[in-house]
């Protein structure tokens, strides 16, 4: 698959999804998606646009989506991991920070991801990466932070009472902290060099971070579990798997690991 297929899907999303934020909570949940979270109209609409675009590509694909679950196109093929709306809580609340994340893998693990696309559904920023070809923002090459200063540490706290105490030793060393609420965008802007560290103590699903994994790796960053173990062998699927620690470079990562493993 070529990146142009995913960028065309992005254009379709940007035509329809941003306007839906003008009516937060205007409709209740439609049900529960395949991954176990509530599905709202904005999730459903985004997924429909993405699947339609993939079906039109002519490629044999196996879709792994937060809402739909598994779906084969033309008998199945490379896996396409989709988070139709990453930052759903922001989207339905009217908070303008959410995106679509799509990753294509030629295999069954995170390390098999070869193409990634993340589109900011508010300002239209398009991030993409191709394995061994680099990472890009709106067509320009991007790179992670080069020095070892903790300028901005972004984090996710799915269970604040449990998650935040685990990462306090790291957060207090940062000049600024942010909990933005959309993992794929956090990782995309880390790849761009705007964020020094991203940490999520709770397990994440592969479609939440697979695209971000390739973006960060291609931009020069380090991506592991929160204890430093690699994520490349994690199986692609709908189950929650790895708590994450992602850094702009190796020195940042070593510093973060030391702080998080202090007893």
Protein backbone atom coordinates (compact mmCIF):
# COMPACT_ATOMS: atom_id res chain seq x y z
CA UNK A 1 0.00 0.00 0.00
CA UNK A 2 1.16 3.53 -0.76
CA UNK A 3 0.89 6.49 1.59
CA UNK A 4 -1.30 8.24 -0.98
CA UNK A 5 -4.12 5.81 -0.17
CA UNK A 6 -4.04 6.84 3.48
CA UNK A 7 -3.71 10.53 2.66
CA UNK A 8 -6.81 10.32 0.46
CA UNK A 9 -8.66 8.78 3.38
CA UNK A 10 -7.42 11.68 5.49
CA UNK A 11 -8.93 14.15 3.04
CA UNK A 12 -12.28 12.39 3.36
CA UNK A 13 -12.09 12.53 7.14
CA UNK A 14 -11.20 16.23 7.16
CA UNK A 15 -14.24 17.01 5.02
CA UNK A 16 -16.72 15.52 7.48
CA UNK A 17 -15.36 14.88 10.96
CA UNK A 18 -14.28 18.38 12.18
CA UNK A 19 -17.82 19.77 11.89
CA UNK A 20 -19.11 17.08 14.27
CA UNK A 21 -17.22 18.67 17.17
CA UNK A 22 -19.64 21.59 17.08
CA UNK A 23 -22.29 19.39 18.71
CA UNK A 24 -20.57 17.67 21.63
CA UNK A 25 -22.71 15.07 23.39
CA UNK A 26 -25.50 15.73 20.87
CA UNK A 27 -25.96 11.98 20.51
CA UNK A 28 -25.43 9.21 23.00
CA UNK A 29 -23.31 6.12 22.60
CA UNK A 30 -24.37 3.75 19.83
CA UNK A 31 -23.10 0.73 21.72
CA UNK A 32 -19.79 -0.87 22.59
CA UNK A 33 -17.03 -1.37 20.03
CA UNK A 34 -14.98 -4.51 19.48
CA UNK A 35 -12.26 -3.24 21.83
CA UNK A 36 -14.75 -2.78 24.67
CA UNK A 37 -15.12 1.01 24.69
CA UNK A 38 -18.30 2.95 23.93
CA UNK A 39 -18.85 3.83 20.28
CA UNK A 40 -20.16 7.32 19.52
CA UNK A 41 -21.45 8.68 16.19
CA UNK A 42 -18.13 10.38 15.46
CA UNK A 43 -16.29 7.05 15.91
CA UNK A 44 -18.71 5.27 13.61
CA UNK A 45 -18.59 7.92 10.91
CA UNK A 46 -14.79 8.02 10.88
CA UNK A 47 -14.57 4.24 10.68
CA UNK A 48 -17.01 4.15 7.75
CA UNK A 49 -14.91 6.69 5.81
CA UNK A 50 -11.69 4.75 6.50
CA UNK A 51 -13.05 1.32 5.59
CA UNK A 52 -14.64 2.69 2.41
CA UNK A 53 -11.30 4.19 1.40
CA UNK A 54 -9.46 0.95 2.08
CA UNK A 55 -12.01 -1.06 0.11
CA UNK A 56 -11.54 1.31 -2.82
CA UNK A 57 -7.75 0.84 -2.78
CA UNK A 58 -7.94 -2.54 -4.48
CA UNK A 59 -5.53 -4.08 -1.95
CA UNK A 60 -6.11 -7.35 -0.10
CA UNK A 61 -6.17 -6.31 3.56
CA UNK A 62 -7.15 -7.45 7.05
CA UNK A 63 -8.59 -4.60 9.09
CA UNK A 64 -8.10 -4.48 12.86
CA UNK A 65 -10.29 -1.64 14.14
CA UNK A 66 -11.25 -0.40 17.58
CA UNK A 67 -14.92 -0.30 16.65
CA UNK A 68 -15.49 -2.99 14.01
CA UNK A 69 -12.96 -5.57 15.12
CA UNK A 70 -11.55 -7.76 12.32
CA UNK A 71 -12.62 -7.48 8.68
CA UNK A 72 -11.05 -9.03 5.58
CA UNK A 73 -10.99 -7.19 2.26
CA UNK A 74 -10.46 -9.36 -0.84
CA UNK A 75 -9.77 -12.39 1.33
CA UNK A 76 -7.41 -10.62 3.73
CA UNK A 77 -3.77 -9.64 3.58
CA UNK A 78 -1.55 -7.08 5.30
CA UNK A 79 -3.00 -5.93 8.60
CA UNK A 80 -4.33 -2.40 8.86
CA UNK A 81 -4.64 -1.17 12.44
CA UNK A 82 -7.22 1.58 12.78
CA UNK A 83 -8.14 3.89 15.63
CA UNK A 84 -10.92 5.88 13.91
CA UNK A 85 -10.96 8.56 16.61
CA UNK A 86 -8.04 8.58 19.02
CA UNK A 87 -9.06 10.97 21.76
CA UNK A 88 -12.75 10.08 21.63
CA UNK A 89 -13.43 11.67 25.01
CA UNK A 90 -12.01 14.94 23.71
CA UNK A 91 -14.08 14.66 20.54
CA UNK A 92 -17.42 14.07 22.23
CA UNK A 93 -16.66 16.74 24.84
CA UNK A 94 -15.87 19.38 22.23
CA UNK A 95 -12.18 19.57 23.19
CA UNK A 96 -10.17 20.18 19.98
CA UNK A 97 -7.42 17.56 20.27
CA UNK A 98 -8.05 14.23 18.57
CA UNK A 99 -6.99 12.35 15.48
CA UNK A 100 -7.24 9.27 13.30
CA UNK A 101 -4.41 6.74 13.42
CA UNK A 102 -3.77 4.07 10.75
CA UNK A 103 -0.86 1.62 10.63
CA UNK A 104 -0.12 -1.08 8.05
CA UNK A 105 1.79 -4.19 9.11
CA UNK A 106 3.22 -6.98 6.98
CA UNK A 107 3.03 -9.51 9.80
CA UNK A 108 1.49 -10.12 13.21
CA UNK A 109 3.57 -7.92 15.53
CA UNK A 110 4.18 -4.24 16.17
CA UNK A 111 7.67 -4.62 14.71
CA UNK A 112 6.08 -5.57 11.38
CA UNK A 113 4.49 -2.12 10.94
CA UNK A 114 5.81 -0.63 7.70
CA UNK A 115 3.52 2.34 7.11
CA UNK A 116 1.91 4.81 9.52
CA UNK A 117 -0.47 7.73 9.12
CA UNK A 118 -1.84 10.06 11.79
CA UNK A 119 -4.04 13.04 10.91
CA UNK A 120 -4.95 15.77 13.38
CA UNK A 121 -8.67 16.19 12.77
CA UNK A 122 -8.70 19.78 14.05
CA UNK A 123 -5.89 21.52 12.16
CA UNK A 124 -5.28 19.01 9.37
CA UNK A 125 -1.65 18.18 10.27
CA UNK A 126 -0.67 14.95 8.53
CA UNK A 127 2.07 12.78 9.99
CA UNK A 128 3.30 9.71 8.17
CA UNK A 129 6.23 7.33 8.19
CA UNK A 130 7.50 4.55 5.95
CA UNK A 131 9.87 1.93 7.26
CA UNK A 132 13.48 2.89 6.53
CA UNK A 133 12.34 6.01 4.66
CA UNK A 134 11.81 8.51 7.48
CA UNK A 135 9.00 10.37 9.21
CA UNK A 136 7.17 13.40 7.87
CA UNK A 137 4.82 16.23 8.84
CA UNK A 138 2.90 17.65 5.88
CA UNK A 139 5.62 16.35 3.55
CA UNK A 140 8.63 17.73 5.45
CA UNK A 141 11.04 15.40 7.24
CA UNK A 142 10.83 15.49 11.04
CA UNK A 143 13.18 14.46 13.84
CA UNK A 144 12.91 13.96 17.57
CA UNK A 145 14.53 16.11 20.26
CA UNK A 146 18.34 15.90 20.23
CA UNK A 147 19.37 16.99 23.76
CA UNK A 148 18.52 15.41 27.12
CA UNK A 149 16.42 18.17 28.69
CA UNK A 150 12.92 17.34 29.93
CA UNK A 151 11.15 20.26 28.24
CA UNK A 152 7.66 18.77 27.97
CA UNK A 153 6.61 15.40 29.33
CA UNK A 154 3.24 14.21 28.07
CA UNK A 155 1.37 11.43 29.80
CA UNK A 156 -1.81 9.41 29.75
CA UNK A 157 -3.65 8.55 32.98
CA UNK A 158 -6.50 6.12 32.37
CA UNK A 159 -6.76 5.49 36.11
CA UNK A 160 -5.37 8.70 37.66
CA UNK A 161 -5.40 7.43 41.26
CA UNK A 162 -3.14 4.55 40.22
CA UNK A 163 -1.23 5.91 37.23
CA UNK A 164 -0.11 9.35 38.39
CA UNK A 165 1.69 8.21 41.58
CA UNK A 166 3.77 5.81 39.44
CA UNK A 167 5.08 8.57 37.20
CA UNK A 168 5.42 11.46 39.68
CA UNK A 169 9.22 10.99 39.97
CA UNK A 170 9.46 11.66 36.23
CA UNK A 171 6.87 14.44 36.01
CA UNK A 172 8.42 16.57 38.74
CA UNK A 173 11.69 16.72 36.77
CA UNK A 174 9.98 18.25 33.75
CA UNK A 175 9.77 21.94 32.92
CA UNK A 176 6.18 21.41 31.74
CA UNK A 177 3.75 18.48 31.73
CA UNK A 178 0.75 17.81 29.52
CA UNK A 179 -2.06 15.25 29.59
CA UNK A 180 -3.56 15.84 26.16
CA UNK A 181 -5.78 12.79 25.79
CA UNK A 182 -4.84 11.37 22.38
CA UNK A 183 -1.94 8.92 22.42
CA UNK A 184 -1.33 8.85 18.67
CA UNK A 185 -1.06 12.64 18.53
CA UNK A 186 1.21 12.70 21.58
CA UNK A 187 3.54 10.29 19.78
CA UNK A 188 3.31 12.20 16.50
CA UNK A 189 4.33 15.47 18.12
CA UNK A 190 7.11 13.67 20.01
CA UNK A 191 8.39 12.49 16.63
CA UNK A 192 8.25 16.14 15.54
CA UNK A 193 10.43 17.17 18.50
CA UNK A 194 7.74 19.11 20.36
CA UNK A 195 7.50 16.60 23.23
CA UNK A 196 10.49 15.16 25.10
CA UNK A 197 8.87 12.12 26.75
CA UNK A 198 5.54 10.32 26.58
CA UNK A 199 4.58 7.91 29.35
CA UNK A 200 1.49 5.78 29.93
CA UNK A 201 1.59 3.47 32.97
CA UNK A 202 -1.60 1.62 31.93
CA UNK A 203 -1.61 -1.04 29.19
CA UNK A 204 -2.33 0.28 25.69
CA UNK A 205 -3.76 -1.54 22.69
CA UNK A 206 -1.61 -2.05 19.62
CA UNK A 207 -3.81 0.11 17.38
CA UNK A 208 -3.34 2.96 19.90
CA UNK A 209 0.41 3.10 19.43
CA UNK A 210 1.50 1.06 16.38
CA UNK A 211 1.46 4.06 14.04
CA UNK A 212 3.20 6.20 16.64
CA UNK A 213 5.83 3.49 17.10
CA UNK A 214 6.92 3.76 13.47
CA UNK A 215 6.75 7.58 13.46
CA UNK A 216 8.97 7.81 16.54
CA UNK A 217 11.43 5.17 15.37
CA UNK A 218 11.81 6.74 11.94
CA UNK A 219 12.27 10.19 13.50
CA UNK A 220 15.09 8.97 15.76
CA UNK A 221 13.32 8.26 19.06
CA UNK A 222 13.24 5.37 21.52
CA UNK A 223 10.05 3.37 22.14
CA UNK A 224 9.72 0.69 24.87
CA UNK A 225 7.47 -0.54 27.60
CA UNK A 226 7.63 1.51 30.78
CA UNK A 227 10.17 -0.93 32.25
CA UNK A 228 12.43 -0.66 29.21
CA UNK A 229 11.40 -3.90 27.51
CA UNK A 230 10.95 -3.76 23.71
CA UNK A 231 7.50 -3.58 22.14
CA UNK A 232 8.39 -4.98 18.72
CA UNK A 233 7.27 -8.54 19.53
CA UNK A 234 3.85 -7.51 20.88
CA UNK A 235 1.09 -9.19 18.91
CA UNK A 236 -1.28 -7.01 16.94
CA UNK A 237 -4.85 -7.26 18.21
CA UNK A 238 -7.63 -5.75 20.30
CA UNK A 239 -6.31 -6.64 23.76
CA UNK A 240 -4.56 -4.16 26.02
CA UNK A 241 -0.90 -5.04 26.19
CA UNK A 242 1.94 -2.65 26.99
CA UNK A 243 2.40 0.35 29.31
CA UNK A 244 4.57 2.76 27.35
CA UNK A 245 7.68 4.92 27.74
CA UNK A 246 8.70 6.87 24.64
CA UNK A 247 11.58 9.34 24.39
CA UNK A 248 13.16 11.67 21.88
CA UNK A 249 16.55 9.99 22.16
CA UNK A 250 18.54 7.39 24.09
CA UNK A 251 19.87 9.77 26.76
CA UNK A 252 16.38 11.04 27.55
CA UNK A 253 15.17 7.46 27.76
CA UNK A 254 17.91 6.38 30.16
CA UNK A 255 17.19 9.35 32.43
CA UNK A 256 13.47 8.60 32.41
CA UNK A 257 14.00 4.91 33.19
CA UNK A 258 16.24 5.76 36.15
CA UNK A 259 13.58 8.04 37.60
CA UNK A 260 10.76 5.55 37.08
CA UNK A 261 12.64 2.61 38.60
CA UNK A 262 13.77 4.36 41.79
CA UNK A 263 12.59 2.68 44.94
